[in-house]
Amino acid sequence: MAFLGTSGDEHSRWRGTSVRDKYEAYDSVIGAGRERVAAGRLAHARRKFDELLLEGGGSAVATEALHRIAQIYRVARELTALPAQAGLPG
């Protein structure tokens, strides 16, 4: 637990982004520091829209959301294919 800052050593405190689901235990870790950010997983949101359409909801919002999420996934695949240096400024 030292990486969470429980040891009292300021330099050992974890800082960064935690990609997580909605499990509430993560809230205490994220809330413990200003330099900690929570990021949700798009797959969880996507699944809810997909379930809505599969249930016969015929939701225009769900259809549009799935279309936009597909575009995000496409861009992510393209970015993953780039060499690491391509993402650096300068």
N, C-alpha and C. Protein backbone atom coordinates (compact mmCIF):
# COMPACT_ATOMS: atom_id res chain seq x y z
N MET A 1 0.81 -1.20 0.00
CA MET A 1 0.00 0.00 0.00
C MET A 1 0.86 1.27 0.00
N ALA A 2 2.16 1.13 0.09
CA ALA A 2 3.02 2.32 0.13
C ALA A 2 2.85 3.18 -1.11
N PHE A 3 2.59 2.55 -2.26
CA PHE A 3 2.47 3.35 -3.49
C PHE A 3 1.25 4.26 -3.46
N LEU A 4 0.31 4.00 -2.54
CA LEU A 4 -0.86 4.86 -2.40
C LEU A 4 -0.61 6.03 -1.46
N GLY A 5 0.56 6.06 -0.84
CA GLY A 5 0.90 7.17 0.04
C GLY A 5 0.68 6.88 1.50
N THR A 6 0.44 5.63 1.89
CA THR A 6 0.18 5.31 3.29
C THR A 6 1.44 5.30 4.12
N SER A 7 2.62 5.27 3.48
CA SER A 7 3.86 5.21 4.24
C SER A 7 4.27 6.59 4.77
N GLY A 8 3.63 7.64 4.32
CA GLY A 8 3.98 8.98 4.76
C GLY A 8 5.07 9.63 3.92
N ASP A 9 5.70 8.88 3.06
CA ASP A 9 6.75 9.40 2.20
C ASP A 9 6.12 10.07 0.99
N GLU A 10 6.24 11.37 0.89
CA GLU A 10 5.62 12.14 -0.20
C GLU A 10 6.08 11.66 -1.57
N HIS A 11 7.32 11.19 -1.68
CA HIS A 11 7.85 10.78 -2.98
C HIS A 11 7.32 9.42 -3.42
N SER A 12 6.78 8.64 -2.49
CA SER A 12 6.27 7.32 -2.86
C SER A 12 4.80 7.36 -3.25
N ARG A 13 4.18 8.52 -3.10
CA ARG A 13 2.75 8.62 -3.40
C ARG A 13 2.50 8.44 -4.89
N TRP A 14 1.52 7.61 -5.19
CA TRP A 14 1.15 7.35 -6.58
C TRP A 14 0.39 8.53 -7.15
N ARG A 15 0.73 8.92 -8.38
CA ARG A 15 0.04 9.98 -9.11
C ARG A 15 -0.26 9.46 -10.50
N GLY A 16 -1.42 9.81 -11.04
CA GLY A 16 -1.72 9.39 -12.39
C GLY A 16 -3.20 9.16 -12.62
N THR A 17 -3.50 8.42 -13.67
CA THR A 17 -4.87 8.12 -14.06
C THR A 17 -5.15 6.65 -13.82
N SER A 18 -6.24 6.39 -13.15
CA SER A 18 -6.67 5.02 -12.90
C SER A 18 -7.85 4.71 -13.82
N VAL A 19 -7.65 3.78 -14.73
CA VAL A 19 -8.73 3.33 -15.60
C VAL A 19 -9.46 2.25 -14.82
N ARG A 20 -10.74 2.48 -14.55
CA ARG A 20 -11.44 1.60 -13.62
C ARG A 20 -12.91 1.48 -13.98
N ASP A 21 -13.56 0.54 -13.31
CA ASP A 21 -15.01 0.44 -13.44
C ASP A 21 -15.64 1.21 -12.28
N LYS A 22 -16.89 0.97 -11.98
CA LYS A 22 -17.58 1.75 -10.95
C LYS A 22 -17.47 1.13 -9.55
N TYR A 23 -16.56 0.18 -9.33
CA TYR A 23 -16.35 -0.41 -8.02
C TYR A 23 -16.00 0.70 -7.03
N GLU A 24 -16.80 0.88 -6.00
CA GLU A 24 -16.70 2.03 -5.12
C GLU A 24 -15.42 2.07 -4.29
N ALA A 25 -14.76 0.95 -4.11
CA ALA A 25 -13.52 0.95 -3.33
C ALA A 25 -12.44 1.82 -3.97
N TYR A 26 -12.50 2.00 -5.28
CA TYR A 26 -11.53 2.85 -5.96
C TYR A 26 -11.68 4.32 -5.59
N ASP A 27 -12.86 4.73 -5.17
CA ASP A 27 -13.10 6.14 -4.85
C ASP A 27 -12.18 6.65 -3.76
N SER A 28 -11.90 5.83 -2.75
CA SER A 28 -11.02 6.28 -1.66
C SER A 28 -9.59 6.47 -2.15
N VAL A 29 -9.17 5.68 -3.11
CA VAL A 29 -7.82 5.81 -3.67
C VAL A 29 -7.74 7.07 -4.53
N ILE A 30 -8.72 7.29 -5.38
CA ILE A 30 -8.71 8.46 -6.26
C ILE A 30 -8.86 9.74 -5.46
N GLY A 31 -9.73 9.73 -4.45
CA GLY A 31 -9.98 10.93 -3.66
C GLY A 31 -8.86 11.31 -2.72
N ALA A 32 -7.84 10.45 -2.60
CA ALA A 32 -6.77 10.70 -1.65
C ALA A 32 -5.72 11.68 -2.15
N GLY A 33 -5.78 12.06 -3.40
CA GLY A 33 -4.76 12.97 -3.91
C GLY A 33 -5.25 13.79 -5.08
N ARG A 34 -4.77 15.04 -5.16
CA ARG A 34 -5.16 15.92 -6.26
C ARG A 34 -4.60 15.44 -7.59
N GLU A 35 -3.48 14.73 -7.55
CA GLU A 35 -2.85 14.31 -8.79
C GLU A 35 -3.33 12.94 -9.25
N ARG A 36 -4.48 12.51 -8.74
CA ARG A 36 -5.06 11.22 -9.13
C ARG A 36 -6.37 11.47 -9.86
N VAL A 37 -6.51 10.85 -11.01
CA VAL A 37 -7.67 11.06 -11.86
C VAL A 37 -8.31 9.71 -12.17
N ALA A 38 -9.63 9.67 -12.12
CA ALA A 38 -10.35 8.46 -12.48
C ALA A 38 -10.79 8.54 -13.94
N ALA A 39 -10.64 7.45 -14.63
CA ALA A 39 -11.09 7.36 -16.02
C ALA A 39 -11.95 6.11 -16.16
N GLY A 40 -13.13 6.27 -16.71
CA GLY A 40 -14.00 5.13 -16.91
C GLY A 40 -13.58 4.33 -18.14
N ARG A 41 -14.14 3.15 -18.24
CA ARG A 41 -13.84 2.29 -19.38
C ARG A 41 -14.98 2.41 -20.37
N LEU A 42 -14.64 2.77 -21.58
CA LEU A 42 -15.64 2.96 -22.63
C LEU A 42 -16.39 1.67 -22.93
N ALA A 43 -15.74 0.55 -22.75
CA ALA A 43 -16.39 -0.74 -23.04
C ALA A 43 -17.63 -0.94 -22.17
N HIS A 44 -17.59 -0.46 -20.93
CA HIS A 44 -18.76 -0.60 -20.05
C HIS A 44 -19.94 0.22 -20.56
N ALA A 45 -19.67 1.44 -20.99
CA ALA A 45 -20.73 2.30 -21.52
C ALA A 45 -21.26 1.73 -22.83
N ARG A 46 -20.34 1.26 -23.68
CA ARG A 46 -20.74 0.69 -24.96
C ARG A 46 -21.67 -0.49 -24.77
N ARG A 47 -21.37 -1.33 -23.81
CA ARG A 47 -22.18 -2.52 -23.56
C ARG A 47 -23.62 -2.15 -23.21
N LYS A 48 -23.80 -1.08 -22.44
CA LYS A 48 -25.16 -0.66 -22.05
C LYS A 48 -25.97 -0.21 -23.27
N PHE A 49 -25.33 0.53 -24.18
CA PHE A 49 -26.03 0.96 -25.39
C PHE A 49 -26.36 -0.25 -26.26
N ASP A 50 -25.42 -1.19 -26.35
CA ASP A 50 -25.64 -2.40 -27.13
C ASP A 50 -26.80 -3.22 -26.56
N GLU A 51 -26.83 -3.36 -25.24
CA GLU A 51 -27.92 -4.09 -24.59
C GLU A 51 -29.27 -3.43 -24.86
N LEU A 52 -29.29 -2.11 -24.84
CA LEU A 52 -30.52 -1.38 -25.11
C LEU A 52 -31.07 -1.71 -26.50
N LEU A 53 -30.19 -1.74 -27.49
CA LEU A 53 -30.63 -2.06 -28.85
C LEU A 53 -31.03 -3.53 -28.98
N LEU A 54 -30.32 -4.42 -28.32
CA LEU A 54 -30.64 -5.84 -28.40
C LEU A 54 -31.98 -6.16 -27.75
N GLU A 55 -32.38 -5.34 -26.79
CA GLU A 55 -33.67 -5.52 -26.12
C GLU A 55 -34.83 -5.00 -26.98
N GLY A 56 -34.51 -4.48 -28.14
CA GLY A 56 -35.55 -3.98 -29.04
C GLY A 56 -35.98 -2.56 -28.75
N GLY A 57 -35.11 -1.80 -28.09
CA GLY A 57 -35.44 -0.43 -27.73
C GLY A 57 -35.54 0.51 -28.92
N GLY A 58 -34.77 0.23 -29.97
CA GLY A 58 -34.81 1.09 -31.14
C GLY A 58 -34.43 2.53 -30.83
N SER A 59 -33.51 2.71 -29.92
CA SER A 59 -33.11 4.04 -29.49
C SER A 59 -32.19 4.72 -30.50
N ALA A 60 -32.58 5.88 -30.97
CA ALA A 60 -31.72 6.65 -31.87
C ALA A 60 -30.46 7.12 -31.15
N VAL A 61 -30.59 7.40 -29.85
CA VAL A 61 -29.43 7.84 -29.07
C VAL A 61 -28.43 6.69 -28.95
N ALA A 62 -28.92 5.47 -28.66
CA ALA A 62 -28.03 4.32 -28.55
C ALA A 62 -27.34 4.02 -29.88
N THR A 63 -28.07 4.14 -30.97
CA THR A 63 -27.50 3.91 -32.29
C THR A 63 -26.38 4.91 -32.57
N GLU A 64 -26.64 6.17 -32.29
CA GLU A 64 -25.63 7.22 -32.50
C GLU A 64 -24.43 7.02 -31.57
N ALA A 65 -24.70 6.65 -30.32
CA ALA A 65 -23.61 6.42 -29.36
C ALA A 65 -22.71 5.29 -29.84
N LEU A 66 -23.29 4.19 -30.30
CA LEU A 66 -22.49 3.07 -30.79
C LEU A 66 -21.68 3.46 -32.03
N HIS A 67 -22.26 4.28 -32.88
CA HIS A 67 -21.55 4.76 -34.07
C HIS A 67 -20.33 5.60 -33.65
N ARG A 68 -20.53 6.49 -32.70
CA ARG A 68 -19.42 7.35 -32.25
C ARG A 68 -18.35 6.56 -31.51
N ILE A 69 -18.78 5.59 -30.70
CA ILE A 69 -17.82 4.75 -29.99
C ILE A 69 -17.00 3.95 -30.99
N ALA A 70 -17.63 3.46 -32.05
CA ALA A 70 -16.90 2.73 -33.10
C ALA A 70 -15.84 3.63 -33.73
N GLN A 71 -16.16 4.90 -33.92
CA GLN A 71 -15.18 5.85 -34.48
C GLN A 71 -14.00 6.02 -33.52
N ILE A 72 -14.28 6.11 -32.23
CA ILE A 72 -13.21 6.24 -31.23
C ILE A 72 -12.32 5.01 -31.26
N TYR A 73 -12.92 3.82 -31.32
CA TYR A 73 -12.14 2.59 -31.39
C TYR A 73 -11.27 2.56 -32.65
N ARG A 74 -11.82 3.04 -33.77
CA ARG A 74 -11.05 3.06 -35.03
C ARG A 74 -9.84 3.96 -34.90
N VAL A 75 -10.03 5.15 -34.35
CA VAL A 75 -8.92 6.09 -34.16
C VAL A 75 -7.89 5.50 -33.19
N ALA A 76 -8.35 4.86 -32.13
CA ALA A 76 -7.43 4.24 -31.17
C ALA A 76 -6.57 3.17 -31.85
N ARG A 77 -7.19 2.35 -32.72
CA ARG A 77 -6.41 1.34 -33.46
C ARG A 77 -5.37 2.00 -34.36
N GLU A 78 -5.76 3.09 -35.02
CA GLU A 78 -4.82 3.79 -35.89
C GLU A 78 -3.66 4.37 -35.10
N LEU A 79 -3.95 4.94 -33.94
CA LEU A 79 -2.90 5.52 -33.10
C LEU A 79 -1.98 4.45 -32.55
N THR A 80 -2.52 3.30 -32.22
CA THR A 80 -1.71 2.21 -31.69
C THR A 80 -0.72 1.73 -32.75
N ALA A 81 -1.09 1.84 -34.00
CA ALA A 81 -0.22 1.38 -35.09
C ALA A 81 0.95 2.34 -35.35
N LEU A 82 0.87 3.56 -34.85
CA LEU A 82 1.93 4.55 -35.08
C LEU A 82 3.14 4.25 -34.20
N PRO A 83 4.34 4.62 -34.67
CA PRO A 83 5.51 4.49 -33.80
C PRO A 83 5.39 5.42 -32.60
N ALA A 84 6.00 5.05 -31.51
CA ALA A 84 5.89 5.82 -30.26
C ALA A 84 6.28 7.29 -30.45
N GLN A 85 7.30 7.56 -31.22
CA GLN A 85 7.79 8.92 -31.43
C GLN A 85 6.78 9.81 -32.16
N ALA A 86 5.85 9.24 -32.89
CA ALA A 86 4.87 10.01 -33.66
C ALA A 86 3.95 10.81 -32.76
N GLY A 87 3.75 10.37 -31.53
CA GLY A 87 2.84 11.06 -30.62
C GLY A 87 3.49 12.15 -29.81
N LEU A 88 4.79 12.32 -29.94
CA LEU A 88 5.50 13.33 -29.16
C LEU A 88 5.48 14.68 -29.86
N PRO A 89 5.30 15.76 -29.09
CA PRO A 89 5.30 17.10 -29.71
C PRO A 89 6.72 17.47 -30.16
N GLY A 90 6.76 18.31 -31.16
CA GLY A 90 8.00 18.92 -31.46
C GLY A 90 8.74 18.64 -32.64
